[in-house]
């Protein structure tokens, strides 16, 4: 009887020891399994919100339709499944906008400007970019005064935040904040940057002043993650 009990205890101890030895192996297998799942799903999740060729093509198709007179005649020319449209409005998502900026428009940026991105919030737009003042000064269409040649140099992270809206064929952007490397830029320096690098290239650009919406666009509305442009019923046949 005693021998039988001892054998049972030894067998139980052996199973317990084996379970203890297997525990680290099981944990390792679970970690490897989790790592494999992350490797599979993370790229897909990133692609859902990031830059893709498909999103850039969708944005290009929508802009092409607007330029072709989408708000001047009933309907949208062509049958593009990726377009979120109704007879009088078109939505362009944040992903589509950033994909177009990164894949199709990067070559059109002024020298010294790169990595342009936008974020659409409720009634607001946040834009970011990388600036290289040394390259901007060299490529400026007009001479940069000597004092600013010495004060503006190197690479910096630009962030612009403001309210964007449009109604009755008129748009307006109200600047709320402009920062370089996270530090707010005073209005005096904003005016200098505008006069040195923006107006020589884009003379019609003016902050905090209404501007005409092109291509018979009647209204412009910024929503979280997308922007909507719409035509007026009067512009339709």
C-alpha atoms as a PDB file:
ATOM      1  CA  UNK A   1       0.000   0.000   0.000  1.00  0.00           C
ATOM      2  CA  UNK A   2       2.811   2.398   0.939  1.00  0.00           C
ATOM      3  CA  UNK A   3       4.700   1.504  -2.238  1.00  0.00           C
ATOM      4  CA  UNK A   4       1.616   2.184  -4.345  1.00  0.00           C
ATOM      5  CA  UNK A   5       1.136   5.663  -2.730  1.00  0.00           C
ATOM      6  CA  UNK A   6       4.779   6.573  -3.283  1.00  0.00           C
ATOM      7  CA  UNK A   7       4.576   5.572  -6.937  1.00  0.00           C
ATOM      8  CA  UNK A   8       1.471   7.704  -7.349  1.00  0.00           C
ATOM      9  CA  UNK A   9       3.174  10.728  -5.746  1.00  0.00           C
ATOM     10  CA  UNK A  10       6.247  10.304  -7.906  1.00  0.00           C
ATOM     11  CA  UNK A  11       4.056  10.116 -10.993  1.00  0.00           C
ATOM     12  CA  UNK A  12       2.198  13.255  -9.925  1.00  0.00           C
ATOM     13  CA  UNK A  13       5.492  15.058  -9.205  1.00  0.00           C
ATOM     14  CA  UNK A  14       6.801  14.024 -12.607  1.00  0.00           C
ATOM     15  CA  UNK A  15       3.765  15.447 -14.347  1.00  0.00           C
ATOM     16  CA  UNK A  16       4.061  18.640 -12.309  1.00  0.00           C
ATOM     17  CA  UNK A  17       7.726  19.015 -13.211  1.00  0.00           C
ATOM     18  CA  UNK A  18       6.914  18.389 -16.878  1.00  0.00           C
ATOM     19  CA  UNK A  19       4.170  21.026 -16.756  1.00  0.00           C
ATOM     20  CA  UNK A  20       6.579  23.533 -15.219  1.00  0.00           C
ATOM     21  CA  UNK A  21       9.116  22.774 -17.934  1.00  0.00           C
ATOM     22  CA  UNK A  22       6.472  23.175 -20.647  1.00  0.00           C
ATOM     23  CA  UNK A  23       5.190  26.517 -19.307  1.00  0.00           C
ATOM     24  CA  UNK A  24       8.026  28.672 -20.761  1.00  0.00           C
ATOM     25  CA  UNK A  25       7.660  26.865 -24.083  1.00  0.00           C
ATOM     26  CA  UNK A  26       3.924  27.547 -24.181  1.00  0.00           C
ATOM     27  CA  UNK A  27       4.497  31.222 -23.374  1.00  0.00           C
ATOM     28  CA  UNK A  28       7.064  31.441 -26.146  1.00  0.00           C
ATOM     29  CA  UNK A  29       4.649  29.851 -28.609  1.00  0.00           C
ATOM     30  CA  UNK A  30       1.941  32.350 -27.629  1.00  0.00           C
ATOM     31  CA  UNK A  31       4.364  35.256 -28.092  1.00  0.00           C
ATOM     32  CA  UNK A  32       5.378  33.955 -31.516  1.00  0.00           C
ATOM     33  CA  UNK A  33       1.737  33.543 -32.472  1.00  0.00           C
ATOM     34  CA  UNK A  34       0.953  37.129 -31.409  1.00  0.00           C
ATOM     35  CA  UNK A  35       3.976  38.411 -33.336  1.00  0.00           C
ATOM     36  CA  UNK A  36       2.814  36.613 -36.471  1.00  0.00           C
ATOM     37  CA  UNK A  37      -0.668  38.122 -36.159  1.00  0.00           C
ATOM     38  CA  UNK A  38       0.819  41.614 -35.739  1.00  0.00           C
ATOM     39  CA  UNK A  39       3.044  41.086 -38.767  1.00  0.00           C
ATOM     40  CA  UNK A  40      -0.018  40.170 -40.797  1.00  0.00           C
ATOM     41  CA  UNK A  41      -2.499  42.801 -39.613  1.00  0.00           C
ATOM     42  CA  UNK A  42      -0.416  45.920 -38.849  1.00  0.00           C
ATOM     43  CA  UNK A  43       0.535  46.621 -42.503  1.00  0.00           C
ATOM     44  CA  UNK A  44      -3.120  46.279 -43.450  1.00  0.00           C
ATOM     45  CA  UNK A  45      -4.167  48.697 -40.714  1.00  0.00           C
ATOM     46  CA  UNK A  46      -1.474  51.180 -41.724  1.00  0.00           C
ATOM     47  CA  UNK A  47      -2.514  50.976 -45.378  1.00  0.00           C
ATOM     48  CA  UNK A  48      -6.108  51.734 -44.358  1.00  0.00           C
ATOM     49  CA  UNK A  49      -5.114  55.199 -43.070  1.00  0.00           C
ATOM     50  CA  UNK A  50      -1.864  55.767 -44.951  1.00  0.00           C
ATOM     51  CA  UNK A  51      -0.639  56.519 -48.447  1.00  0.00           C
ATOM     52  CA  UNK A  52      -1.838  54.171 -51.189  1.00  0.00           C
ATOM     53  CA  UNK A  53      -1.880  54.270 -54.975  1.00  0.00           C
ATOM     54  CA  UNK A  54      -5.583  53.473 -55.010  1.00  0.00           C
ATOM     55  CA  UNK A  55      -6.412  56.441 -52.771  1.00  0.00           C
ATOM     56  CA  UNK A  56      -4.286  58.796 -54.879  1.00  0.00           C
ATOM     57  CA  UNK A  57      -6.058  57.638 -58.055  1.00  0.00           C
ATOM     58  CA  UNK A  58      -9.457  58.177 -56.414  1.00  0.00           C
ATOM     59  CA  UNK A  59      -8.527  61.743 -55.439  1.00  0.00           C
ATOM     60  CA  UNK A  60      -7.176  62.424 -58.916  1.00  0.00           C
ATOM     61  CA  UNK A  61     -10.401  61.177 -60.520  1.00  0.00           C
ATOM     62  CA  UNK A  62     -12.535  63.404 -58.295  1.00  0.00           C
ATOM     63  CA  UNK A  63     -10.417  66.500 -58.983  1.00  0.00           C
ATOM     64  CA  UNK A  64     -10.478  65.732 -62.687  1.00  0.00           C
ATOM     65  CA  UNK A  65     -14.276  65.569 -62.600  1.00  0.00           C
ATOM     66  CA  UNK A  66     -14.466  68.908 -60.776  1.00  0.00           C
ATOM     67  CA  UNK A  67     -12.172  70.545 -63.326  1.00  0.00           C
ATOM     68  CA  UNK A  68     -14.205  69.024 -66.150  1.00  0.00           C
ATOM     69  CA  UNK A  69     -17.337  70.781 -64.903  1.00  0.00           C
ATOM     70  CA  UNK A  70     -18.940  68.319 -62.502  1.00  0.00           C
ATOM     71  CA  UNK A  71     -20.904  71.200 -60.931  1.00  0.00           C
ATOM     72  CA  UNK A  72     -21.925  72.727 -64.268  1.00  0.00           C
ATOM     73  CA  UNK A  73     -23.945  69.810 -65.635  1.00  0.00           C
ATOM     74  CA  UNK A  74     -26.028  67.003 -64.122  1.00  0.00           C
ATOM     75  CA  UNK A  75     -24.086  64.020 -62.867  1.00  0.00           C
ATOM     76  CA  UNK A  76     -20.415  63.151 -62.956  1.00  0.00           C
ATOM     77  CA  UNK A  77     -18.687  62.226 -66.232  1.00  0.00           C
ATOM     78  CA  UNK A  78     -17.742  58.566 -66.242  1.00  0.00           C
ATOM     79  CA  UNK A  79     -18.636  55.773 -63.868  1.00  0.00           C
ATOM     80  CA  UNK A  80     -16.006  55.651 -61.143  1.00  0.00           C
ATOM     81  CA  UNK A  81     -16.933  53.227 -58.397  1.00  0.00           C
ATOM     82  CA  UNK A  82     -14.460  54.684 -55.890  1.00  0.00           C
ATOM     83  CA  UNK A  83     -16.094  58.133 -56.039  1.00  0.00           C
ATOM     84  CA  UNK A  84     -18.351  59.181 -53.169  1.00  0.00           C
ATOM     85  CA  UNK A  85     -20.596  61.554 -55.072  1.00  0.00           C
ATOM     86  CA  UNK A  86     -24.140  62.793 -55.412  1.00  0.00           C
ATOM     87  CA  UNK A  87     -25.416  65.044 -58.207  1.00  0.00           C
ATOM     88  CA  UNK A  88     -24.204  68.163 -56.382  1.00  0.00           C
ATOM     89  CA  UNK A  89     -21.365  67.226 -54.001  1.00  0.00           C
ATOM     90  CA  UNK A  90     -18.060  65.366 -53.879  1.00  0.00           C
ATOM     91  CA  UNK A  91     -16.166  64.137 -50.822  1.00  0.00           C
ATOM     92  CA  UNK A  92     -12.383  63.802 -50.760  1.00  0.00           C
ATOM     93  CA  UNK A  93     -11.000  61.907 -47.783  1.00  0.00           C
ATOM     94  CA  UNK A  94      -7.910  62.768 -45.779  1.00  0.00           C
ATOM     95  CA  UNK A  95      -6.255  59.558 -46.947  1.00  0.00           C
ATOM     96  CA  UNK A  96      -6.993  60.379 -50.591  1.00  0.00           C
ATOM     97  CA  UNK A  97      -5.620  63.899 -50.169  1.00  0.00           C
ATOM     98  CA  UNK A  98      -2.392  62.761 -48.500  1.00  0.00           C
ATOM     99  CA  UNK A  99      -1.910  59.968 -51.027  1.00  0.00           C
ATOM    100  CA  UNK A 100      -2.262  62.470 -53.873  1.00  0.00           C
ATOM    101  CA  UNK A 101       0.176  64.859 -52.178  1.00  0.00           C
ATOM    102  CA  UNK A 102       2.773  62.150 -51.579  1.00  0.00           C
ATOM    103  CA  UNK A 103       2.557  60.171 -54.813  1.00  0.00           C
ATOM    104  CA  UNK A 104       1.484  62.641 -57.509  1.00  0.00           C
ATOM    105  CA  UNK A 105       2.173  66.198 -56.332  1.00  0.00           C
ATOM    106  CA  UNK A 106       5.472  65.900 -54.445  1.00  0.00           C
ATOM    107  CA  UNK A 107       7.377  66.787 -57.611  1.00  0.00           C
ATOM    108  CA  UNK A 108       5.445  70.060 -57.887  1.00  0.00           C
ATOM    109  CA  UNK A 109       6.444  71.352 -54.442  1.00  0.00           C
ATOM    110  CA  UNK A 110       8.785  74.347 -54.389  1.00  0.00           C
ATOM    111  CA  UNK A 111      12.404  73.352 -53.848  1.00  0.00           C
ATOM    112  CA  UNK A 112      13.023  73.094 -50.120  1.00  0.00           C
ATOM    113  CA  UNK A 113       9.508  71.874 -49.277  1.00  0.00           C
ATOM    114  CA  UNK A 114       8.802  68.196 -48.648  1.00  0.00           C
ATOM    115  CA  UNK A 115       6.637  65.723 -46.718  1.00  0.00           C
ATOM    116  CA  UNK A 116       3.441  67.768 -47.029  1.00  0.00           C
ATOM    117  CA  UNK A 117       0.438  66.297 -45.210  1.00  0.00           C
ATOM    118  CA  UNK A 118      -3.018  67.530 -44.244  1.00  0.00           C
ATOM    119  CA  UNK A 119      -5.425  66.629 -41.468  1.00  0.00           C
ATOM    120  CA  UNK A 120      -9.130  67.425 -41.746  1.00  0.00           C
ATOM    121  CA  UNK A 121     -10.981  68.320 -38.555  1.00  0.00           C
ATOM    122  CA  UNK A 122     -14.404  69.847 -37.991  1.00  0.00           C
ATOM    123  CA  UNK A 123     -14.171  73.181 -39.810  1.00  0.00           C
ATOM    124  CA  UNK A 124     -10.390  73.172 -39.545  1.00  0.00           C
ATOM    125  CA  UNK A 125      -7.358  72.061 -41.533  1.00  0.00           C
ATOM    126  CA  UNK A 126      -3.945  71.193 -40.109  1.00  0.00           C
ATOM    127  CA  UNK A 127      -1.052  71.133 -42.556  1.00  0.00           C
ATOM    128  CA  UNK A 128       2.488  69.935 -41.911  1.00  0.00           C
ATOM    129  CA  UNK A 129       5.643  69.994 -44.011  1.00  0.00           C
ATOM    130  CA  UNK A 130       9.416  69.912 -43.832  1.00  0.00           C
ATOM    131  CA  UNK A 131      11.203  73.138 -44.818  1.00  0.00           C
ATOM    132  CA  UNK A 132      14.825  73.550 -45.826  1.00  0.00           C
ATOM    133  CA  UNK A 133      15.508  77.284 -45.670  1.00  0.00           C
ATOM    134  CA  UNK A 134      18.903  76.950 -47.344  1.00  0.00           C
ATOM    135  CA  UNK A 135      17.278  75.440 -50.432  1.00  0.00           C
ATOM    136  CA  UNK A 136      14.323  77.845 -50.273  1.00  0.00           C
ATOM    137  CA  UNK A 137      16.680  80.836 -50.281  1.00  0.00           C
ATOM    138  CA  UNK A 138      18.638  79.502 -53.248  1.00  0.00           C
ATOM    139  CA  UNK A 139      15.487  78.799 -55.269  1.00  0.00           C
ATOM    140  CA  UNK A 140      13.611  81.977 -54.353  1.00  0.00           C
ATOM    141  CA  UNK A 141      12.337  83.883 -57.444  1.00  0.00           C
ATOM    142  CA  UNK A 142      13.315  87.150 -55.751  1.00  0.00           C
ATOM    143  CA  UNK A 143      16.507  88.021 -53.833  1.00  0.00           C
ATOM    144  CA  UNK A 144      16.358  87.323 -50.102  1.00  0.00           C
ATOM    145  CA  UNK A 145      17.584  90.265 -47.979  1.00  0.00           C
ATOM    146  CA  UNK A 146      20.965  89.697 -46.350  1.00  0.00           C
ATOM    147  CA  UNK A 147      19.634  89.759 -42.794  1.00  0.00           C
ATOM    148  CA  UNK A 148      17.180  86.938 -43.524  1.00  0.00           C
ATOM    149  CA  UNK A 149      19.857  84.926 -45.288  1.00  0.00           C
ATOM    150  CA  UNK A 150      21.683  84.729 -41.967  1.00  0.00           C
ATOM    151  CA  UNK A 151      18.626  84.320 -39.727  1.00  0.00           C
ATOM    152  CA  UNK A 152      16.767  81.700 -41.770  1.00  0.00           C
ATOM    153  CA  UNK A 153      18.748  78.514 -42.287  1.00  0.00           C
ATOM    154  CA  UNK A 154      18.593  74.747 -41.822  1.00  0.00           C
ATOM    155  CA  UNK A 155      15.722  72.257 -41.823  1.00  0.00           C
ATOM    156  CA  UNK A 156      12.559  72.796 -39.800  1.00  0.00           C
ATOM    157  CA  UNK A 157       9.179  71.154 -39.221  1.00  0.00           C
ATOM    158  CA  UNK A 158       6.315  73.439 -40.225  1.00  0.00           C
ATOM    159  CA  UNK A 159       2.781  73.130 -38.838  1.00  0.00           C
ATOM    160  CA  UNK A 160      -0.103  75.355 -39.909  1.00  0.00           C
ATOM    161  CA  UNK A 161      -3.547  75.285 -38.296  1.00  0.00           C
ATOM    162  CA  UNK A 162      -6.613  77.249 -39.286  1.00  0.00           C
ATOM    163  CA  UNK A 163     -10.304  77.393 -40.101  1.00  0.00           C
ATOM    164  CA  UNK A 164     -11.311  76.668 -43.684  1.00  0.00           C
ATOM    165  CA  UNK A 165     -14.790  77.211 -45.091  1.00  0.00           C
ATOM    166  CA  UNK A 166     -16.588  78.197 -48.248  1.00  0.00           C
ATOM    167  CA  UNK A 167     -20.029  79.474 -49.157  1.00  0.00           C
ATOM    168  CA  UNK A 168     -21.698  81.209 -52.108  1.00  0.00           C
ATOM    169  CA  UNK A 169     -18.648  80.647 -54.271  1.00  0.00           C
ATOM    170  CA  UNK A 170     -16.276  82.282 -51.777  1.00  0.00           C
ATOM    171  CA  UNK A 171     -13.714  80.489 -49.609  1.00  0.00           C
ATOM    172  CA  UNK A 172     -11.846  81.713 -46.562  1.00  0.00           C
ATOM    173  CA  UNK A 173      -8.914  80.452 -44.512  1.00  0.00           C
ATOM    174  CA  UNK A 174      -8.368  81.974 -41.058  1.00  0.00           C
ATOM    175  CA  UNK A 175      -4.908  81.233 -39.706  1.00  0.00           C
ATOM    176  CA  UNK A 176      -4.952  80.156 -36.064  1.00  0.00           C
ATOM    177  CA  UNK A 177      -1.344  79.122 -35.473  1.00  0.00           C
ATOM    178  CA  UNK A 178       1.885  78.559 -37.338  1.00  0.00           C
ATOM    179  CA  UNK A 179       4.775  76.763 -35.637  1.00  0.00           C
ATOM    180  CA  UNK A 180       8.337  75.820 -36.546  1.00  0.00           C
ATOM    181  CA  UNK A 181       9.716  72.825 -34.666  1.00  0.00           C
ATOM    182  CA  UNK A 182       6.793  73.141 -32.264  1.00  0.00           C
ATOM    183  CA  UNK A 183       7.430  76.812 -31.389  1.00  0.00           C
ATOM    184  CA  UNK A 184       4.770  79.425 -32.293  1.00  0.00           C
ATOM    185  CA  UNK A 185       5.890  81.877 -34.957  1.00  0.00           C
ATOM    186  CA  UNK A 186       5.058  85.562 -34.268  1.00  0.00           C
ATOM    187  CA  UNK A 187       2.993  87.481 -36.805  1.00  0.00           C
ATOM    188  CA  UNK A 188       5.997  89.575 -37.877  1.00  0.00           C
ATOM    189  CA  UNK A 189       7.921  86.484 -38.948  1.00  0.00           C
ATOM    190  CA  UNK A 190       4.813  85.030 -40.622  1.00  0.00           C
ATOM    191  CA  UNK A 191       4.592  88.186 -42.740  1.00  0.00           C
ATOM    192  CA  UNK A 192       8.291  87.847 -43.624  1.00  0.00           C
ATOM    193  CA  UNK A 193       7.906  84.198 -44.641  1.00  0.00           C
ATOM    194  CA  UNK A 194       4.872  85.078 -46.757  1.00  0.00           C
ATOM    195  CA  UNK A 195       6.686  87.933 -48.518  1.00  0.00           C
ATOM    196  CA  UNK A 196       9.906  85.985 -49.092  1.00  0.00           C
ATOM    197  CA  UNK A 197       8.704  82.506 -50.055  1.00  0.00           C
ATOM    198  CA  UNK A 198       4.952  82.441 -50.707  1.00  0.00           C
ATOM    199  CA  UNK A 199       3.870  85.574 -52.579  1.00  0.00           C
ATOM    200  CA  UNK A 200       6.737  85.507 -55.124  1.00  0.00           C
ATOM    201  CA  UNK A 201       5.548  82.045 -56.185  1.00  0.00           C
ATOM    202  CA  UNK A 202       1.808  82.437 -55.547  1.00  0.00           C
ATOM    203  CA  UNK A 203       0.924  86.148 -55.813  1.00  0.00           C
ATOM    204  CA  UNK A 204      -2.806  85.590 -55.292  1.00  0.00           C
ATOM    205  CA  UNK A 205      -2.412  83.801 -51.941  1.00  0.00           C
ATOM    206  CA  UNK A 206      -3.529  85.976 -49.036  1.00  0.00           C
ATOM    207  CA  UNK A 207      -4.209  84.839 -45.491  1.00  0.00           C
ATOM    208  CA  UNK A 208      -7.469  85.736 -43.744  1.00  0.00           C
ATOM    209  CA  UNK A 209      -9.030  87.146 -46.917  1.00  0.00           C
ATOM    210  CA  UNK A 210     -11.881  85.627 -48.958  1.00  0.00           C
ATOM    211  CA  UNK A 211     -11.030  84.023 -52.282  1.00  0.00           C
ATOM    212  CA  UNK A 212     -13.105  82.794 -55.198  1.00  0.00           C
ATOM    213  CA  UNK A 213     -13.771  79.056 -55.319  1.00  0.00           C
ATOM    214  CA  UNK A 214     -12.875  77.699 -58.773  1.00  0.00           C
ATOM    215  CA  UNK A 215     -14.763  75.397 -61.154  1.00  0.00           C
ATOM    216  CA  UNK A 216     -18.260  76.579 -60.129  1.00  0.00           C
ATOM    217  CA  UNK A 217     -17.806  75.240 -56.584  1.00  0.00           C
ATOM    218  CA  UNK A 218     -20.451  76.883 -54.401  1.00  0.00           C
ATOM    219  CA  UNK A 219     -19.494  75.620 -50.924  1.00  0.00           C
ATOM    220  CA  UNK A 220     -16.633  73.939 -49.135  1.00  0.00           C
ATOM    221  CA  UNK A 221     -17.025  72.116 -45.820  1.00  0.00           C
ATOM    222  CA  UNK A 222     -14.286  70.489 -43.761  1.00  0.00           C
ATOM    223  CA  UNK A 223     -15.332  67.468 -41.709  1.00  0.00           C
ATOM    224  CA  UNK A 224     -13.339  65.028 -39.570  1.00  0.00           C
ATOM    225  CA  UNK A 225     -11.315  62.966 -42.026  1.00  0.00           C
ATOM    226  CA  UNK A 226     -12.707  64.471 -45.236  1.00  0.00           C
ATOM    227  CA  UNK A 227     -13.556  67.613 -47.139  1.00  0.00           C
ATOM    228  CA  UNK A 228     -16.763  68.220 -49.090  1.00  0.00           C
ATOM    229  CA  UNK A 229     -17.206  70.498 -52.073  1.00  0.00           C
ATOM    230  CA  UNK A 230     -20.602  71.193 -53.559  1.00  0.00           C
ATOM    231  CA  UNK A 231     -22.116  73.055 -56.473  1.00  0.00           C
ATOM    232  CA  UNK A 232     -25.136  75.321 -56.437  1.00  0.00           C
ATOM    233  CA  UNK A 233     -28.400  74.402 -58.066  1.00  0.00           C
ATOM    234  CA  UNK A 234     -28.146  77.629 -60.082  1.00  0.00           C
ATOM    235  CA  UNK A 235     -24.953  76.375 -61.736  1.00  0.00           C
ATOM    236  CA  UNK A 236     -26.722  73.281 -63.098  1.00  0.00           C
ATOM    237  CA  UNK A 237     -28.574  73.014 -66.320  1.00  0.00           C
END
